[in-house]
C-alpha cells in the first residue's frame, strides 16, 4: 500500500462533497481553490460516464 498524504484526504473530501450534492462553487470555497476549473478536476471521481453521480462508497468487486 502506498503512503497516504494530505492530498489524498483533500481528494476524498472534495469527491464526497460533490457526491453529496454540493455545488462546485461551495466545494471550491471549502477547498480553497482559486477557481472552479481546479475543483472540476475532481468530477471524474464523483460522476460516471453517463453523467450520473457514481457510488463512491461501493466496494470494488
PDB file of N, CA and C in Angstrom:
ATOM      1  N   UNK A   1       0.854  -1.175   0.000  1.00  0.00           N
ATOM      2  CA  UNK A   1       0.000   0.000   0.000  1.00  0.00           C
ATOM      3  C   UNK A   1       0.898   1.235   0.000  1.00  0.00           C
ATOM      4  N   UNK A   2       0.504   2.239  -0.761  1.00  0.00           N
ATOM      5  CA  UNK A   2       1.280   3.473  -0.817  1.00  0.00           C
ATOM      6  C   UNK A   2       0.977   4.326   0.411  1.00  0.00           C
ATOM      7  N   UNK A   3       1.873   5.224   0.712  1.00  0.00           N
ATOM      8  CA  UNK A   3       1.671   6.140   1.832  1.00  0.00           C
ATOM      9  C   UNK A   3       0.589   7.152   1.494  1.00  0.00           C
ATOM     10  N   UNK A   4      -0.265   7.412   2.448  1.00  0.00           N
ATOM     11  CA  UNK A   4      -1.305   8.407   2.260  1.00  0.00           C
ATOM     12  C   UNK A   4      -0.762   9.779   2.622  1.00  0.00           C
ATOM     13  N   UNK A   5      -1.229  10.776   1.904  1.00  0.00           N
ATOM     14  CA  UNK A   5      -0.815  12.147   2.157  1.00  0.00           C
ATOM     15  C   UNK A   5      -2.044  13.014   2.378  1.00  0.00           C
ATOM     16  N   UNK A   6      -1.832  14.247   2.779  1.00  0.00           N
ATOM     17  CA  UNK A   6      -2.931  15.195   2.945  1.00  0.00           C
ATOM     18  C   UNK A   6      -3.655  15.403   1.613  1.00  0.00           C
ATOM     19  N   UNK A   7      -2.934  15.272   0.517  1.00  0.00           N
ATOM     20  CA  UNK A   7      -3.551  15.427  -0.799  1.00  0.00           C
ATOM     21  C   UNK A   7      -4.611  14.344  -1.026  1.00  0.00           C
ATOM     22  N   UNK A   8      -4.353  13.123  -0.596  1.00  0.00           N
ATOM     23  CA  UNK A   8      -5.348  12.054  -0.709  1.00  0.00           C
ATOM     24  C   UNK A   8      -6.608  12.417   0.082  1.00  0.00           C
ATOM     25  N   UNK A   9      -6.409  12.978   1.263  1.00  0.00           N
ATOM     26  CA  UNK A   9      -7.549  13.396   2.080  1.00  0.00           C
ATOM     27  C   UNK A   9      -8.354  14.497   1.418  1.00  0.00           C
ATOM     28  N   UNK A  10      -7.667  15.433   0.788  1.00  0.00           N
ATOM     29  CA  UNK A  10      -8.369  16.515   0.081  1.00  0.00           C
ATOM     30  C   UNK A  10      -9.172  15.948  -1.084  1.00  0.00           C
ATOM     31  N   UNK A  11      -8.593  15.008  -1.824  1.00  0.00           N
ATOM     32  CA  UNK A  11      -9.314  14.374  -2.930  1.00  0.00           C
ATOM     33  C   UNK A  11     -10.576  13.695  -2.413  1.00  0.00           C
ATOM     34  N   UNK A  12     -10.445  12.963  -1.326  1.00  0.00           N
ATOM     35  CA  UNK A  12     -11.596  12.263  -0.755  1.00  0.00           C
ATOM     36  C   UNK A  12     -12.668  13.238  -0.315  1.00  0.00           C
ATOM     37  N   UNK A  13     -12.272  14.291   0.388  1.00  0.00           N
ATOM     38  CA  UNK A  13     -13.249  15.265   0.878  1.00  0.00           C
ATOM     39  C   UNK A  13     -13.986  15.935  -0.273  1.00  0.00           C
ATOM     40  N   UNK A  14     -13.251  16.399  -1.269  1.00  0.00           N
ATOM     41  CA  UNK A  14     -13.879  17.064  -2.410  1.00  0.00           C
ATOM     42  C   UNK A  14     -14.822  16.104  -3.138  1.00  0.00           C
ATOM     43  N   UNK A  15     -14.389  14.871  -3.335  1.00  0.00           N
ATOM     44  CA  UNK A  15     -15.228  13.883  -4.015  1.00  0.00           C
ATOM     45  C   UNK A  15     -16.507  13.617  -3.237  1.00  0.00           C
ATOM     46  N   UNK A  16     -16.405  13.500  -1.917  1.00  0.00           N
ATOM     47  CA  UNK A  16     -17.586  13.262  -1.087  1.00  0.00           C
ATOM     48  C   UNK A  16     -18.532  14.455  -1.109  1.00  0.00           C
ATOM     49  N   UNK A  17     -17.982  15.658  -1.046  1.00  0.00           N
ATOM     50  CA  UNK A  17     -18.840  16.845  -1.093  1.00  0.00           C
ATOM     51  C   UNK A  17     -19.600  16.907  -2.409  1.00  0.00           C
ATOM     52  N   UNK A  18     -18.923  16.627  -3.509  1.00  0.00           N
ATOM     53  CA  UNK A  18     -19.591  16.659  -4.815  1.00  0.00           C
ATOM     54  C   UNK A  18     -20.647  15.569  -4.922  1.00  0.00           C
ATOM     55  N   UNK A  19     -20.329  14.367  -4.446  1.00  0.00           N
ATOM     56  CA  UNK A  19     -21.295  13.264  -4.492  1.00  0.00           C
ATOM     57  C   UNK A  19     -22.499  13.550  -3.604  1.00  0.00           C
ATOM     58  N   UNK A  20     -22.307  14.351  -2.559  1.00  0.00           N
ATOM     59  CA  UNK A  20     -23.398  14.687  -1.646  1.00  0.00           C
ATOM     60  C   UNK A  20     -24.286  15.799  -2.196  1.00  0.00           C
ATOM     61  N   UNK A  21     -23.912  16.339  -3.352  1.00  0.00           N
ATOM     62  CA  UNK A  21     -24.771  17.332  -3.984  1.00  0.00           C
ATOM     63  C   UNK A  21     -24.370  18.772  -3.771  1.00  0.00           C
ATOM     64  N   UNK A  22     -23.216  19.010  -3.176  1.00  0.00           N
ATOM     65  CA  UNK A  22     -22.735  20.382  -3.025  1.00  0.00           C
ATOM     66  C   UNK A  22     -22.398  20.952  -4.396  1.00  0.00           C
ATOM     67  N   UNK A  23     -22.558  22.235  -4.560  1.00  0.00           N
ATOM     68  CA  UNK A  23     -22.237  22.861  -5.838  1.00  0.00           C
ATOM     69  C   UNK A  23     -20.728  23.001  -5.978  1.00  0.00           C
ATOM     70  N   UNK A  24     -20.291  23.162  -7.231  1.00  0.00           N
ATOM     71  CA  UNK A  24     -18.866  23.368  -7.469  1.00  0.00           C
ATOM     72  C   UNK A  24     -18.365  24.615  -6.748  1.00  0.00           C
ATOM     73  N   UNK A  25     -19.187  25.659  -6.715  1.00  0.00           N
ATOM     74  CA  UNK A  25     -18.786  26.895  -6.036  1.00  0.00           C
ATOM     75  C   UNK A  25     -18.609  26.669  -4.536  1.00  0.00           C
ATOM     76  N   UNK A  26     -19.507  25.918  -3.917  1.00  0.00           N
ATOM     77  CA  UNK A  26     -19.384  25.620  -2.487  1.00  0.00           C
ATOM     78  C   UNK A  26     -18.112  24.819  -2.208  1.00  0.00           C
ATOM     79  N   UNK A  27     -17.867  23.816  -3.036  1.00  0.00           N
ATOM     80  CA  UNK A  27     -16.701  22.966  -2.845  1.00  0.00           C
ATOM     81  C   UNK A  27     -15.422  23.752  -3.124  1.00  0.00           C
ATOM     82  N   UNK A  28     -15.444  24.572  -4.159  1.00  0.00           N
ATOM     83  CA  UNK A  28     -14.287  25.431  -4.468  1.00  0.00           C
ATOM     84  C   UNK A  28     -13.900  26.265  -3.253  1.00  0.00           C
ATOM     85  N   UNK A  29     -14.892  26.898  -2.647  1.00  0.00           N
ATOM     86  CA  UNK A  29     -14.629  27.753  -1.494  1.00  0.00           C
ATOM     87  C   UNK A  29     -14.117  26.943  -0.303  1.00  0.00           C
ATOM     88  N   UNK A  30     -14.733  25.794  -0.035  1.00  0.00           N
ATOM     89  CA  UNK A  30     -14.322  24.962   1.097  1.00  0.00           C
ATOM     90  C   UNK A  30     -12.906  24.408   0.912  1.00  0.00           C
ATOM     91  N   UNK A  31     -12.561  24.086  -0.323  1.00  0.00           N
ATOM     92  CA  UNK A  31     -11.238  23.521  -0.610  1.00  0.00           C
ATOM     93  C   UNK A  31     -10.169  24.591  -0.752  1.00  0.00           C
ATOM     94  N   UNK A  32     -10.594  25.854  -0.884  1.00  0.00           N
ATOM     95  CA  UNK A  32      -9.645  26.937  -1.039  1.00  0.00           C
ATOM     96  C   UNK A  32      -9.037  27.031  -2.425  1.00  0.00           C
ATOM     97  N   UNK A  33      -9.757  26.505  -3.421  1.00  0.00           N
ATOM     98  CA  UNK A  33      -9.266  26.584  -4.793  1.00  0.00           C
ATOM     99  C   UNK A  33      -9.433  28.005  -5.328  1.00  0.00           C
ATOM    100  N   UNK A  34      -8.545  28.385  -6.230  1.00  0.00           N
ATOM    101  CA  UNK A  34      -8.596  29.732  -6.807  1.00  0.00           C
ATOM    102  C   UNK A  34      -9.779  29.910  -7.747  1.00  0.00           C
ATOM    103  N   UNK A  35     -10.151  28.847  -8.450  1.00  0.00           N
ATOM    104  CA  UNK A  35     -11.289  28.944  -9.368  1.00  0.00           C
ATOM    105  C   UNK A  35     -11.952  27.583  -9.527  1.00  0.00           C
ATOM    106  N   UNK A  36     -13.140  27.600 -10.090  1.00  0.00           N
ATOM    107  CA  UNK A  36     -13.937  26.381 -10.211  1.00  0.00           C
ATOM    108  C   UNK A  36     -13.321  25.378 -11.196  1.00  0.00           C
ATOM    109  N   UNK A  37     -12.462  25.846 -12.082  1.00  0.00           N
ATOM    110  CA  UNK A  37     -11.806  24.924 -13.025  1.00  0.00           C
ATOM    111  C   UNK A  37     -10.920  23.929 -12.280  1.00  0.00           C
ATOM    112  N   UNK A  38     -10.279  24.375 -11.221  1.00  0.00           N
ATOM    113  CA  UNK A  38      -9.454  23.468 -10.426  1.00  0.00           C
ATOM    114  C   UNK A  38     -10.338  22.434  -9.740  1.00  0.00           C
ATOM    115  N   UNK A  39     -11.448  22.885  -9.175  1.00  0.00           N
ATOM    116  CA  UNK A  39     -12.370  21.989  -8.485  1.00  0.00           C
ATOM    117  C   UNK A  39     -12.972  20.974  -9.449  1.00  0.00           C
ATOM    118  N   UNK A  40     -13.241  21.384 -10.675  1.00  0.00           N
ATOM    119  CA  UNK A  40     -13.892  20.487 -11.639  1.00  0.00           C
ATOM    120  C   UNK A  40     -13.022  19.286 -12.000  1.00  0.00           C
ATOM    121  N   UNK A  41     -11.727  19.368 -11.739  1.00  0.00           N
ATOM    122  CA  UNK A  41     -10.841  18.231 -11.978  1.00  0.00           C
ATOM    123  C   UNK A  41     -11.293  17.021 -11.158  1.00  0.00           C
ATOM    124  N   UNK A  42     -11.892  17.278 -10.003  1.00  0.00           N
ATOM    125  CA  UNK A  42     -12.327  16.214  -9.107  1.00  0.00           C
ATOM    126  C   UNK A  42     -13.609  15.524  -9.578  1.00  0.00           C
ATOM    127  N   UNK A  43     -14.280  16.064 -10.577  1.00  0.00           N
ATOM    128  CA  UNK A  43     -15.541  15.493 -11.040  1.00  0.00           C
ATOM    129  C   UNK A  43     -15.390  14.072 -11.565  1.00  0.00           C
ATOM    130  N   UNK A  44     -14.230  13.711 -12.080  1.00  0.00           N
ATOM    131  CA  UNK A  44     -14.050  12.358 -12.613  1.00  0.00           C
ATOM    132  C   UNK A  44     -14.244  11.306 -11.540  1.00  0.00           C
ATOM    133  N   UNK A  45     -14.094  11.672 -10.283  1.00  0.00           N
ATOM    134  CA  UNK A  45     -14.267  10.724  -9.193  1.00  0.00           C
ATOM    135  C   UNK A  45     -15.734  10.524  -8.864  1.00  0.00           C
ATOM    136  N   UNK A  46     -16.526  11.596  -8.954  1.00  0.00           N
ATOM    137  CA  UNK A  46     -17.898  11.564  -8.477  1.00  0.00           C
ATOM    138  C   UNK A  46     -18.941  11.335  -9.561  1.00  0.00           C
ATOM    139  N   UNK A  47     -18.584  11.486 -10.825  1.00  0.00           N
ATOM    140  CA  UNK A  47     -19.570  11.399 -11.895  1.00  0.00           C
ATOM    141  C   UNK A  47     -19.203  10.291 -12.870  1.00  0.00           C
ATOM    142  N   UNK A  48     -20.188   9.451 -13.177  1.00  0.00           N
ATOM    143  CA  UNK A  48     -19.991   8.355 -14.125  1.00  0.00           C
ATOM    144  C   UNK A  48     -19.982   8.894 -15.553  1.00  0.00           C
ATOM    145  N   UNK A  49     -19.580   8.063 -16.505  1.00  0.00           N
ATOM    146  CA  UNK A  49     -19.528   8.468 -17.909  1.00  0.00           C
ATOM    147  C   UNK A  49     -20.885   8.913 -18.453  1.00  0.00           C
ATOM    148  N   UNK A  50     -21.963   8.336 -17.926  1.00  0.00           N
ATOM    149  CA  UNK A  50     -23.289   8.697 -18.431  1.00  0.00           C
ATOM    150  C   UNK A  50     -23.857   9.950 -17.747  1.00  0.00           C
ATOM    151  N   UNK A  51     -23.059  10.587 -16.874  1.00  0.00           N
ATOM    152  CA  UNK A  51     -23.483  11.822 -16.237  1.00  0.00           C
ATOM    153  C   UNK A  51     -24.145  11.651 -14.882  1.00  0.00           C
ATOM    154  N   UNK A  52     -24.390  10.404 -14.474  1.00  0.00           N
ATOM    155  CA  UNK A  52     -24.991  10.194 -13.169  1.00  0.00           C
ATOM    156  C   UNK A  52     -23.917  10.210 -12.090  1.00  0.00           C
ATOM    157  N   UNK A  53     -24.350  10.504 -10.879  1.00  0.00           N
ATOM    158  CA  UNK A  53     -23.399  10.505  -9.769  1.00  0.00           C
ATOM    159  C   UNK A  53     -23.049   9.064  -9.442  1.00  0.00           C
ATOM    160  N   UNK A  54     -21.761   8.795  -9.376  1.00  0.00           N
ATOM    161  CA  UNK A  54     -21.288   7.447  -9.083  1.00  0.00           C
ATOM    162  C   UNK A  54     -21.420   7.113  -7.614  1.00  0.00           C
ATOM    163  N   UNK A  55     -21.344   5.838  -7.318  1.00  0.00           N
ATOM    164  CA  UNK A  55     -21.390   5.367  -5.941  1.00  0.00           C
ATOM    165  C   UNK A  55     -19.957   5.260  -5.447  1.00  0.00           C
ATOM    166  N   UNK A  56     -19.450   6.345  -4.852  1.00  0.00           N
ATOM    167  CA  UNK A  56     -18.047   6.359  -4.430  1.00  0.00           C
ATOM    168  C   UNK A  56     -17.841   5.504  -3.193  1.00  0.00           C
ATOM    169  N   UNK A  57     -18.943   4.992  -2.616  1.00  0.00           N
ATOM    170  CA  UNK A  57     -18.818   4.141  -1.433  1.00  0.00           C
ATOM    171  C   UNK A  57     -18.886   2.673  -1.791  1.00  0.00           C
ATOM    172  N   UNK A  58     -19.080   2.349  -3.062  1.00  0.00           N
ATOM    173  CA  UNK A  58     -19.216   0.951  -3.485  1.00  0.00           C
ATOM    174  C   UNK A  58     -17.896   0.214  -3.295  1.00  0.00           C
ATOM    175  N   UNK A  59     -18.005  -1.048  -2.944  1.00  0.00           N
ATOM    176  CA  UNK A  59     -16.830  -1.897  -2.812  1.00  0.00           C
ATOM    177  C   UNK A  59     -16.523  -2.489  -4.176  1.00  0.00           C
ATOM    178  N   UNK A  60     -15.295  -2.318  -4.621  1.00  0.00           N
ATOM    179  CA  UNK A  60     -14.900  -2.873  -5.916  1.00  0.00           C
ATOM    180  C   UNK A  60     -14.954  -4.383  -5.831  1.00  0.00           C
ATOM    181  N   UNK A  61     -15.494  -4.980  -6.855  1.00  0.00           N
ATOM    182  CA  UNK A  61     -15.627  -6.432  -6.790  1.00  0.00           C
ATOM    183  C   UNK A  61     -15.151  -7.035  -7.998  1.00  0.00           C
TER     184      UNK A  61
END
